Amino acid sequence: MTDTATAVEHLDVVIVGAGISGVGGAYHLTTQRPGTNFVVLENQESFGGTWITHTYPGIRSDSDLHTFGYRFKPWTGVPIASAEEILTYMGEVIDENELASHIRYQHQIDTAEWSSADRRWTLGVRRLDTGEHVAFTCNFLWMCQGYYRHSAGYTPEWPGMDRFDGPVVHPQLWPDDLEYEGKNVVVIGSGATAATIVPAMAAKTSHITMLQRSPTYFAAGRNENEVAVMLRELDIDEEWVHEIVRRKILFDQSQIAEAAVYFPEMVKDELYGRMREYLGDDYDMEPHFAPSYRPWQQRLAFVPDGDLFQAIAAGEASVVTDEIETVTETGIELASGETLDADIIVTATGFDLNVLGDIAFTIDDEPLTFHDTVTWRGAMFTGIPNMLWVFGYFRASWTLRVDMLADFMVRLLNEMDQRGASVVVPEIPAADADMPLAPWVDPENFNPGYIMRGLHLMPRQGDKQPWIHTQDYWLDKDELPQAPLDDGSLRFS
């Protein structure tokens, strides 16, 4: 689209996205590498990413904010926070660090073209507020757009959907005027989104049902951090509270993740014990809360104050585990023969991967096939010059990798300056040319539906560093800061 552009602006770095990753990246550039000329391009009307595009009832984090929050700004609220609270926190980061002048809203990137002759990226951009085409050139592209498509969610096609008389709503496209008071609502899905929507709507609906094809593991507990409460009672400075609580949470998470692999039955018993505190000791976990996979093979969502289970215990909500036979005018017929009456159907069925922001990438006029690349430590990719993609953690908070990769980005840019290089690109050396390649994520390790559906679009990984996407914070935190830049895996020029 650059041939129709009316203006061109050159930057050292372009950050794509003003969500949790992009705002964090902007902070680190301004503080660790002052003088860097950069912009953040965001296609929404404001910052926030997930926390502004998702407006369904009860929208909240499924990670604790002590670790989902940035390492440089203490989180002082409850561990599981609402979207509004998270947006307030991000707004404070922007205001306190004067980042607003760097962010361009309603800028949709359509194309990204790398030219080896010019040694730079050219971005074809549409301004969604004016319709104007503009272009940006940059030395380095920092992809912080997240990993799923915000414009639409994933909804399977069930027989009879076109017959249903009521609204069918996906949480990513929640209508502001949806009236559900006194209605029968069926929420299809069993992940963190369904577990949020059900208790948030339960008190107003006639009845709400969570219909799942297969169960999910949940962790239930009080929405407070006992260590944080204790330290504040002792009048400990918030900077110290922040650091101590983060370390304690991360230590506990590492223990749980390891136990889930080696002692899955013990972890299951612990999760069930917490749920029974709300559901009662006699509640049968079969078939609604007994997945076929081991804990943490898919994301484990925290249910603050057990609100989902409180709604079930109160009779306001129920869980049905079954297959959909067909959708009818007035509800859903199940494979078991049971019928669920519904005035509204909510399809909390997940999302589709967003691969590089759905931007049309070319490298020297050749379209980029991302799946043909091999990752360098889950952040850079063979054959793609001067680009870093932030992909966070599944078993730890996304933002932990945001901070870590920002440190790496600054180190890499400084290395390029010291070498007098304007280009860096990962290249597999000849000695490793026959290295066996594996998927971006090992399905035996982590296998949620959105990953499995999009795995054919994602890069691959090798069997040795630096060609591995570890998805392991506890390994990365030690290795990535020391990752060698002169071992032949990165070509500088």
Protein backbone atom coordinates (compact mmCIF):
# COMPACT_ATOMS: atom_id res chain seq x y z
CA MET A 1 0.00 0.00 0.00
CA THR A 2 3.00 2.27 0.17
CA ASP A 3 2.48 3.57 -3.39
CA THR A 4 -0.70 5.35 -2.25
CA ALA A 5 0.86 6.78 0.89
CA THR A 6 0.74 10.53 1.39
CA ALA A 7 3.44 10.72 4.08
CA VAL A 8 6.53 8.78 5.18
CA GLU A 9 8.08 8.88 8.64
CA HIS A 10 11.32 7.12 9.62
CA LEU A 11 11.93 5.65 13.07
CA ASP A 12 14.64 3.64 14.79
CA VAL A 13 12.00 1.22 16.11
CA VAL A 14 8.30 0.65 15.47
CA ILE A 15 6.39 -1.17 18.21
CA VAL A 16 3.24 -2.88 16.94
CA GLY A 17 0.41 -2.76 19.49
CA ALA A 18 -0.35 -0.70 22.59
CA GLY A 19 -1.46 -3.57 24.78
CA ILE A 20 0.39 -4.88 27.82
CA SER A 21 3.42 -5.84 25.67
CA GLY A 22 3.67 -2.65 23.63
CA VAL A 23 3.29 -0.28 26.57
CA GLY A 24 5.92 -2.26 28.45
CA GLY A 25 8.25 -2.14 25.47
CA ALA A 26 7.79 1.63 25.17
CA TYR A 27 8.68 2.07 28.84
CA HIS A 28 11.87 0.03 28.52
CA LEU A 29 13.01 1.87 25.40
CA THR A 30 12.57 5.26 27.05
CA THR A 31 14.31 4.23 30.28
CA GLN A 32 16.99 1.81 29.10
CA ARG A 33 17.79 3.38 25.75
CA PRO A 34 16.90 7.07 25.95
CA GLY A 35 17.10 8.91 22.67
CA THR A 36 15.72 6.01 20.65
CA ASN A 37 13.33 7.38 18.05
CA PHE A 38 10.25 5.15 18.12
CA VAL A 39 6.47 4.99 17.81
CA VAL A 40 3.82 2.54 18.94
CA LEU A 41 1.21 1.84 16.25
CA GLU A 42 -2.17 0.68 17.57
CA ASN A 43 -5.30 0.00 15.53
CA GLN A 44 -7.73 0.54 18.43
CA GLU A 45 -8.88 3.93 19.70
CA SER A 46 -6.94 3.59 22.93
CA PHE A 47 -4.36 1.48 24.75
CA GLY A 48 -5.07 -1.79 26.50
CA GLY A 49 -5.29 -4.58 23.92
CA THR A 50 -7.36 -7.40 25.43
CA TRP A 51 -8.53 -5.16 28.24
CA ILE A 52 -10.21 -2.70 25.90
CA THR A 53 -11.47 -5.03 23.16
CA HIS A 54 -13.12 -7.48 25.60
CA THR A 55 -16.21 -6.02 27.27
CA TYR A 56 -18.17 -9.12 28.32
CA PRO A 57 -19.62 -9.30 31.86
CA GLY A 58 -17.05 -9.74 34.59
CA ILE A 59 -14.00 -9.39 32.30
CA ARG A 60 -10.94 -9.96 34.48
CA SER A 61 -7.44 -11.38 34.44
CA ASP A 62 -6.81 -15.08 34.79
CA SER A 63 -3.24 -14.44 35.98
CA ASP A 64 -2.32 -12.76 39.24
CA LEU A 65 -1.50 -9.08 38.78
CA HIS A 66 1.53 -9.24 41.03
CA THR A 67 3.30 -11.06 38.18
CA PHE A 68 1.09 -9.95 35.27
CA GLY A 69 1.86 -6.37 36.28
CA TYR A 70 5.19 -4.96 35.19
CA ARG A 71 8.27 -5.56 37.31
CA PHE A 72 8.92 -1.80 37.41
CA LYS A 73 5.52 -0.74 38.81
CA PRO A 74 4.15 -2.41 41.94
CA TRP A 75 0.62 -3.75 41.78
CA THR A 76 -1.24 -2.80 44.97
CA GLY A 77 -4.73 -4.21 44.29
CA VAL A 78 -6.25 -7.69 44.51
CA PRO A 79 -4.44 -10.46 42.61
CA ILE A 80 -7.23 -11.12 40.08
CA ALA A 81 -8.26 -7.73 38.72
CA SER A 82 -10.97 -6.36 36.46
CA ALA A 83 -10.27 -4.96 33.01
CA GLU A 84 -11.04 -1.50 34.36
CA GLU A 85 -8.42 -1.84 37.09
CA ILE A 86 -5.82 -3.12 34.62
CA LEU A 87 -6.53 -0.24 32.20
CA THR A 88 -6.13 2.24 35.06
CA TYR A 89 -2.77 0.67 35.91
CA MET A 90 -1.59 0.81 32.29
CA GLY A 91 -2.77 4.41 32.01
CA GLU A 92 -0.64 5.29 35.01
CA VAL A 93 2.40 3.72 33.35
CA ILE A 94 1.77 5.82 30.23
CA ASP A 95 1.23 9.05 32.19
CA GLU A 96 4.06 8.59 34.69
CA ASN A 97 6.57 7.90 31.91
CA GLU A 98 5.25 10.35 29.29
CA LEU A 99 4.64 7.61 26.75
CA ALA A 100 1.48 9.08 25.20
CA SER A 101 3.39 11.14 22.63
CA HIS A 102 4.87 7.93 21.21
CA ILE A 103 1.53 6.17 20.62
CA ARG A 104 -0.45 6.55 17.37
CA TYR A 105 -3.98 5.19 17.71
CA GLN A 106 -6.24 3.93 14.91
CA HIS A 107 -3.23 3.08 12.77
CA GLN A 108 -3.78 -0.27 11.02
CA ILE A 109 -0.67 -1.86 9.53
CA ASP A 110 -1.56 -3.66 6.29
CA THR A 111 1.89 -4.45 4.88
CA ALA A 112 5.43 -4.85 6.16
CA GLU A 113 8.13 -4.95 3.49
CA TRP A 114 11.80 -5.61 4.21
CA SER A 115 14.36 -4.34 1.72
CA SER A 116 17.89 -5.67 1.98
CA ALA A 117 19.04 -2.89 -0.37
CA ASP A 118 17.61 -0.19 1.91
CA ARG A 119 18.28 -2.21 5.09
CA ARG A 120 14.94 -1.24 6.61
CA TRP A 121 11.26 -2.04 6.93
CA THR A 122 8.53 -0.11 5.16
CA LEU A 123 5.08 -0.30 6.72
CA GLY A 124 1.93 0.44 4.77
CA VAL A 125 -0.54 1.89 7.24
CA ARG A 126 -4.19 2.98 7.09
CA ARG A 127 -5.45 5.61 9.48
CA LEU A 128 -8.81 4.26 10.56
CA ASP A 129 -9.95 7.68 11.76
CA THR A 130 -9.34 9.52 8.47
CA GLY A 131 -8.97 6.78 5.83
CA GLU A 132 -5.59 8.23 4.92
CA HIS A 133 -2.73 5.96 3.80
CA VAL A 134 0.60 6.70 5.43
CA ALA A 135 3.93 4.91 5.53
CA PHE A 136 6.53 4.38 8.20
CA THR A 137 10.04 3.13 7.68
CA CYS A 138 12.06 1.73 10.52
CA ASN A 139 15.31 0.00 11.30
CA PHE A 140 13.73 -2.51 13.68
CA LEU A 141 10.23 -3.96 14.07
CA TRP A 142 9.03 -4.99 17.53
CA MET A 143 5.88 -7.11 17.28
CA CYS A 144 3.82 -6.67 20.45
CA GLN A 145 0.38 -7.30 18.97
CA GLY A 146 -0.37 -10.40 21.01
CA TYR A 147 -1.29 -13.83 19.77
CA TYR A 148 -4.99 -13.93 18.94
CA ARG A 149 -7.29 -12.15 16.51
CA HIS A 150 -9.27 -9.40 18.25
CA SER A 151 -11.70 -8.78 15.39
CA ALA A 152 -13.55 -12.09 15.78
CA GLY A 153 -13.46 -15.20 17.95
CA TYR A 154 -13.57 -18.88 17.10
CA THR A 155 -17.08 -20.34 16.85
CA PRO A 156 -17.64 -23.89 15.59
CA GLU A 157 -20.54 -24.51 13.22
CA TRP A 158 -23.19 -26.63 14.88
CA PRO A 159 -26.21 -27.99 13.02
CA GLY A 160 -29.26 -25.75 13.24
CA MET A 161 -27.53 -22.57 14.37
CA ASP A 162 -29.41 -20.58 11.76
CA ARG A 163 -32.71 -21.72 13.29
CA PHE A 164 -32.12 -20.29 16.76
CA ASP A 165 -34.57 -17.46 17.54
CA GLY A 166 -32.37 -15.62 20.05
CA PRO A 167 -28.98 -13.91 19.89
CA VAL A 168 -25.80 -15.98 19.52
CA VAL A 169 -22.98 -13.96 21.06
CA HIS A 170 -19.22 -14.52 21.11
CA PRO A 171 -17.50 -12.84 24.10
CA GLN A 172 -15.04 -11.03 21.82
CA LEU A 173 -17.94 -9.22 20.13
CA TRP A 174 -20.16 -8.57 23.13
CA PRO A 175 -23.06 -6.21 22.28
CA ASP A 176 -23.54 -3.29 24.66
CA ASP A 177 -27.32 -3.63 24.52
CA LEU A 178 -27.65 -7.35 25.27
CA GLU A 179 -30.56 -7.85 27.69
CA TYR A 180 -30.21 -11.04 29.71
CA GLU A 181 -32.10 -10.31 32.92
CA GLY A 182 -34.64 -13.06 33.58
CA LYS A 183 -33.48 -15.04 30.54
CA ASN A 184 -32.22 -18.61 30.17
CA VAL A 185 -28.62 -18.42 29.00
CA VAL A 186 -26.37 -21.23 27.77
CA VAL A 187 -22.64 -20.51 27.72
CA ILE A 188 -20.81 -22.98 25.49
CA GLY A 189 -17.25 -23.47 26.68
CA SER A 190 -15.30 -24.34 29.80
CA GLY A 191 -12.25 -22.08 29.82
CA ALA A 192 -11.43 -18.95 31.79
CA THR A 193 -13.87 -16.83 29.75
CA ALA A 194 -16.84 -19.10 30.46
CA ALA A 195 -15.82 -19.32 34.12
CA THR A 196 -15.88 -15.53 34.26
CA ILE A 197 -19.13 -14.92 32.38
CA VAL A 198 -21.23 -17.50 34.21
CA PRO A 199 -20.91 -16.08 37.76
CA ALA A 200 -21.00 -12.49 36.46
CA MET A 201 -24.40 -13.08 34.80
CA ALA A 202 -25.86 -15.67 37.18
CA ALA A 203 -27.63 -13.37 39.63
CA LYS A 204 -29.61 -11.62 36.87
CA THR A 205 -30.54 -14.55 34.63
CA SER A 206 -33.41 -16.93 35.17
CA HIS A 207 -30.76 -19.63 34.95
CA ILE A 208 -27.37 -19.92 33.29
CA THR A 209 -25.76 -23.16 32.12
CA MET A 210 -22.14 -23.79 31.25
CA LEU A 211 -22.25 -26.40 28.49
CA GLN A 212 -18.92 -28.09 27.91
CA ARG A 213 -17.77 -30.86 25.64
CA SER A 214 -15.00 -31.76 28.09
CA PRO A 215 -14.00 -30.53 31.55
CA THR A 216 -11.31 -28.02 32.52
CA TYR A 217 -9.18 -27.75 35.66
CA PHE A 218 -9.77 -24.71 37.84
CA ALA A 219 -8.00 -23.40 40.91
CA ALA A 220 -10.32 -21.75 43.41
CA GLY A 221 -9.33 -19.54 46.31
CA ARG A 222 -9.61 -16.18 47.99
CA ASN A 223 -8.82 -13.17 45.83
CA GLU A 224 -6.06 -11.88 48.03
CA ASN A 225 -2.39 -12.62 48.54
CA GLU A 226 -1.68 -13.55 52.14
CA VAL A 227 2.00 -12.59 51.91
CA ALA A 228 1.13 -9.15 50.53
CA VAL A 229 -1.45 -8.62 53.28
CA MET A 230 1.05 -9.62 55.97
CA LEU A 231 3.83 -7.39 54.60
CA ARG A 232 1.50 -4.39 54.37
CA GLU A 233 0.37 -4.97 57.96
CA LEU A 234 4.05 -4.67 58.87
CA ASP A 235 4.20 -1.37 56.95
CA ILE A 236 6.76 -2.71 54.47
CA ASP A 237 7.46 -0.40 51.53
CA GLU A 238 5.44 -1.29 48.40
CA GLU A 239 8.62 -1.78 46.35
CA TRP A 240 9.68 -4.52 48.76
CA VAL A 241 6.18 -6.00 48.91
CA HIS A 242 6.15 -6.10 45.11
CA GLU A 243 9.46 -7.92 44.83
CA ILE A 244 8.86 -10.40 47.66
CA VAL A 245 5.34 -11.30 46.52
CA ARG A 246 6.42 -11.76 42.90
CA ARG A 247 9.24 -14.07 43.95
CA LYS A 248 6.97 -16.10 46.22
CA ILE A 249 4.29 -16.49 43.53
CA LEU A 250 6.83 -17.51 40.91
CA PHE A 251 8.43 -20.01 43.30
CA ASP A 252 5.02 -21.53 44.08
CA GLN A 253 4.09 -21.67 40.39
CA SER A 254 7.30 -23.50 39.53
CA GLN A 255 6.58 -26.05 42.24
CA ILE A 256 3.01 -26.58 41.01
CA ALA A 257 4.06 -26.89 37.36
CA GLU A 258 6.69 -29.50 38.30
CA ALA A 259 4.29 -31.38 40.55
CA ALA A 260 1.69 -31.45 37.75
CA VAL A 261 4.14 -33.45 35.63
CA TYR A 262 5.49 -35.84 38.27
CA PHE A 263 2.59 -36.01 40.77
CA PRO A 264 -0.55 -35.19 38.76
CA GLU A 265 -2.92 -37.07 41.11
CA MET A 266 -1.68 -35.06 44.08
CA VAL A 267 -2.25 -31.80 42.19
CA LYS A 268 -5.74 -32.97 41.14
CA ASP A 269 -6.63 -33.76 44.75
CA GLU A 270 -5.49 -30.30 45.83
CA LEU A 271 -7.55 -28.58 43.10
CA TYR A 272 -10.62 -30.67 43.94
CA GLY A 273 -10.22 -29.93 47.64
CA ARG A 274 -10.36 -26.19 46.99
CA MET A 275 -13.44 -26.55 44.80
CA ARG A 276 -15.24 -28.62 47.44
CA GLU A 277 -14.86 -25.76 49.91
CA TYR A 278 -17.54 -24.05 47.82
CA LEU A 279 -19.42 -27.01 46.34
CA GLY A 280 -19.50 -29.19 49.44
CA ASP A 281 -17.69 -32.37 50.42
CA ASP A 282 -20.24 -34.62 48.73
CA TYR A 283 -20.02 -32.96 45.31
CA ASP A 284 -19.07 -35.49 42.62
CA MET A 285 -16.32 -34.10 40.38
CA GLU A 286 -17.30 -36.56 37.65
CA PRO A 287 -18.05 -35.76 34.90
CA HIS A 288 -17.95 -31.96 35.04
CA PHE A 289 -14.54 -31.23 36.61
CA ALA A 290 -12.42 -34.29 35.84
CA PRO A 291 -10.49 -33.67 32.60
CA SER A 292 -8.82 -36.48 30.69
CA TYR A 293 -5.50 -34.62 30.58
CA ARG A 294 -3.15 -33.93 33.45
CA PRO A 295 -3.20 -30.55 35.25
CA TRP A 296 -1.40 -27.74 33.42
CA GLN A 297 -1.44 -29.52 30.05
CA GLN A 298 -3.86 -26.70 29.27
CA ARG A 299 -4.02 -23.34 30.98
CA LEU A 300 -5.13 -23.49 34.61
CA ALA A 301 -7.52 -20.63 35.41
CA PHE A 302 -7.91 -19.20 38.90
CA VAL A 303 -11.49 -18.67 40.09
CA PRO A 304 -11.37 -15.77 42.57
CA ASP A 305 -13.37 -16.38 45.74
CA GLY A 306 -14.74 -19.48 44.00
CA ASP A 307 -17.48 -17.35 42.44
CA LEU A 308 -18.26 -19.89 39.71
CA PHE A 309 -18.71 -22.64 42.29
CA GLN A 310 -20.70 -20.37 44.58
CA ALA A 311 -23.17 -19.75 41.72
CA ILE A 312 -23.46 -23.51 41.12
CA ALA A 313 -23.96 -24.23 44.83
CA ALA A 314 -26.67 -21.54 44.99
CA GLY A 315 -28.56 -23.12 42.11
CA GLU A 316 -28.18 -20.03 39.92
CA ALA A 317 -25.84 -21.85 37.52
CA SER A 318 -25.26 -25.41 36.42
CA VAL A 319 -22.74 -27.37 34.39
CA VAL A 320 -23.64 -29.84 31.65
CA THR A 321 -20.99 -32.02 30.01
CA ASP A 322 -22.24 -33.33 26.68
CA GLU A 323 -22.01 -33.03 22.90
CA ILE A 324 -24.26 -30.75 20.85
CA GLU A 325 -26.55 -32.72 18.55
CA THR A 326 -28.32 -29.69 17.07
CA VAL A 327 -29.40 -26.17 17.84
CA THR A 328 -33.15 -25.60 17.73
CA GLU A 329 -35.37 -22.52 17.68
CA THR A 330 -35.53 -22.51 21.47
CA GLY A 331 -32.34 -24.11 22.68
CA ILE A 332 -29.89 -26.97 22.24
CA GLU A 333 -30.50 -30.69 21.84
CA LEU A 334 -27.65 -32.78 23.22
CA ALA A 335 -26.26 -36.14 22.14
CA SER A 336 -27.58 -37.66 25.39
CA GLY A 337 -31.11 -36.68 24.43
CA GLU A 338 -31.32 -33.89 27.00
CA THR A 339 -32.55 -30.47 25.87
CA LEU A 340 -31.34 -27.12 27.19
CA ASP A 341 -33.79 -24.25 26.86
CA ALA A 342 -32.08 -21.01 25.87
CA ASP A 343 -33.07 -17.44 25.14
CA ILE A 344 -29.42 -16.51 24.55
CA ILE A 345 -26.43 -18.62 23.50
CA VAL A 346 -22.93 -17.42 24.37
CA THR A 347 -20.13 -19.12 22.43
CA ALA A 348 -17.15 -18.91 24.78
CA THR A 349 -15.35 -21.29 22.43
CA GLY A 350 -11.98 -19.60 22.17
CA PHE A 351 -10.17 -17.61 19.55
CA ASP A 352 -7.98 -17.89 16.49
CA LEU A 353 -4.26 -17.28 16.51
CA ASN A 354 -3.16 -13.96 15.13
CA VAL A 355 0.07 -14.63 13.27
CA LEU A 356 2.23 -11.52 13.07
CA GLY A 357 -0.78 -9.26 13.38
CA ASP A 358 -2.38 -10.55 10.16
CA ILE A 359 0.03 -8.22 8.36
CA ALA A 360 1.16 -9.12 4.82
CA PHE A 361 4.93 -9.55 5.24
CA THR A 362 7.43 -9.65 2.39
CA ILE A 363 11.18 -10.10 2.49
CA ASP A 364 12.79 -8.58 -0.61
CA ASP A 365 9.47 -8.81 -2.48
CA GLU A 366 8.94 -12.48 -1.54
CA PRO A 367 5.87 -13.23 0.62
CA LEU A 368 6.84 -14.51 4.04
CA THR A 369 5.66 -17.99 5.00
CA PHE A 370 6.07 -17.85 8.76
CA HIS A 371 5.78 -21.62 9.18
CA ASP A 372 8.94 -22.09 7.12
CA THR A 373 11.03 -20.23 9.69
CA VAL A 374 12.75 -21.61 12.77
CA THR A 375 12.67 -19.65 15.97
CA TRP A 376 15.66 -18.19 17.79
CA ARG A 377 14.77 -18.54 21.51
CA GLY A 378 11.09 -17.98 20.76
CA ALA A 379 11.71 -14.34 19.88
CA MET A 380 13.40 -14.01 16.48
CA PHE A 381 13.11 -16.12 13.33
CA THR A 382 15.40 -17.42 10.62
CA GLY A 383 15.36 -15.35 7.45
CA ILE A 384 13.49 -12.41 9.05
CA PRO A 385 15.86 -9.49 9.65
CA ASN A 386 15.50 -6.93 12.42
CA MET A 387 12.31 -8.25 13.96
CA LEU A 388 11.43 -9.45 17.44
CA TRP A 389 8.05 -10.96 18.41
CA VAL A 390 6.80 -11.00 21.99
CA PHE A 391 5.05 -14.28 22.77
CA GLY A 392 4.44 -14.70 26.50
CA TYR A 393 4.11 -17.71 28.76
CA PHE A 394 1.31 -20.24 29.11
CA ARG A 395 2.11 -21.34 32.67
CA ALA A 396 3.28 -17.99 33.98
CA SER A 397 2.14 -14.43 33.41
CA TRP A 398 2.53 -13.06 29.89
CA THR A 399 4.19 -9.88 31.11
CA LEU A 400 7.15 -11.68 32.63
CA ARG A 401 8.39 -12.28 29.09
CA VAL A 402 7.51 -8.71 28.08
CA ASP A 403 10.01 -7.34 30.59
CA MET A 404 12.59 -10.02 29.79
CA LEU A 405 12.44 -9.55 26.02
CA ALA A 406 12.62 -5.78 26.43
CA ASP A 407 15.95 -6.25 28.23
CA PHE A 408 17.08 -8.47 25.39
CA MET A 409 15.93 -5.99 22.76
CA VAL A 410 17.95 -3.21 24.34
CA ARG A 411 21.00 -5.49 24.59
CA LEU A 412 20.64 -6.48 20.94
CA LEU A 413 20.31 -2.87 19.74
CA ASN A 414 23.35 -1.90 21.81
CA GLU A 415 25.29 -4.83 20.31
CA MET A 416 24.39 -3.66 16.81
CA ASP A 417 25.60 -0.16 17.65
CA GLN A 418 28.90 -1.48 18.98
CA ARG A 419 29.43 -3.57 15.84
CA GLY A 420 28.36 -0.78 13.52
CA ALA A 421 25.74 -3.21 12.15
CA SER A 422 22.37 -2.20 10.75
CA VAL A 423 21.02 -5.73 10.17
CA VAL A 424 20.71 -8.82 12.37
CA VAL A 425 19.08 -12.05 11.26
CA PRO A 426 19.10 -15.56 12.78
CA GLU A 427 20.74 -18.20 10.57
CA ILE A 428 21.12 -21.90 11.27
CA PRO A 429 24.78 -22.80 10.75
CA ALA A 430 25.73 -25.50 8.26
CA ALA A 431 26.63 -27.89 11.07
CA ASP A 432 23.02 -27.83 12.25
CA ALA A 433 21.39 -27.82 8.82
CA ASP A 434 19.96 -31.32 9.36
CA MET A 435 18.70 -30.58 12.86
CA PRO A 436 15.28 -32.20 13.43
CA LEU A 437 12.46 -29.66 13.61
CA ALA A 438 9.45 -29.74 15.90
CA PRO A 439 6.25 -27.68 16.20
CA TRP A 440 6.19 -24.26 17.86
CA VAL A 441 4.64 -25.95 20.92
CA ASP A 442 4.95 -29.61 21.88
CA PRO A 443 1.35 -30.93 21.98
CA GLU A 444 2.33 -33.37 24.72
CA ASN A 445 3.39 -30.41 26.84
CA PHE A 446 0.60 -27.91 26.10
CA ASN A 447 -2.32 -28.45 23.77
CA PRO A 448 -5.21 -25.94 23.97
CA GLY A 449 -7.52 -25.79 20.95
CA TYR A 450 -6.35 -22.42 19.62
CA ILE A 451 -2.75 -23.63 19.49
CA MET A 452 -3.64 -26.91 17.83
CA ARG A 453 -5.84 -25.16 15.23
CA GLY A 454 -3.11 -22.70 14.30
CA LEU A 455 0.03 -24.80 14.70
CA HIS A 456 0.44 -25.14 10.92
CA LEU A 457 0.81 -21.35 10.70
CA MET A 458 3.45 -21.00 13.38
CA PRO A 459 7.25 -21.24 13.15
CA ARG A 460 9.04 -24.40 14.11
CA GLN A 461 11.78 -25.07 16.65
CA GLY A 462 14.89 -27.19 16.73
CA ASP A 463 16.27 -29.60 19.31
CA LYS A 464 18.99 -27.41 20.82
CA GLN A 465 19.50 -23.83 21.84
CA PRO A 466 19.19 -21.21 20.53
CA TRP A 467 16.58 -22.83 18.30
CA ILE A 468 14.14 -23.79 21.08
CA HIS A 469 10.94 -22.07 22.20
CA THR A 470 11.15 -23.18 25.82
CA GLN A 471 7.89 -21.72 27.21
CA ASP A 472 9.71 -21.96 30.53
CA TYR A 473 10.07 -18.72 32.49
CA TRP A 474 12.25 -20.32 35.13
CA LEU A 475 14.75 -21.43 32.48
CA ASP A 476 14.55 -18.24 30.41
CA LYS A 477 15.13 -15.90 33.34
CA ASP A 478 18.61 -17.37 33.76
CA GLU A 479 19.47 -18.14 30.13
CA LEU A 480 18.09 -15.24 28.08
CA PRO A 481 20.01 -12.43 29.83
CA GLN A 482 23.23 -14.35 29.13
CA ALA A 483 22.32 -15.68 25.68
CA PRO A 484 25.43 -15.30 23.50
CA LEU A 485 25.10 -12.95 20.56
CA ASP A 486 28.39 -14.05 18.98
CA ASP A 487 27.95 -17.82 18.68
CA GLY A 488 27.25 -17.75 14.95
CA SER A 489 23.48 -18.09 15.21
CA LEU A 490 22.94 -14.38 14.51
CA ARG A 491 24.37 -12.78 11.39
CA PHE A 492 25.22 -9.09 11.81
CA SER A 493 25.95 -6.87 8.83
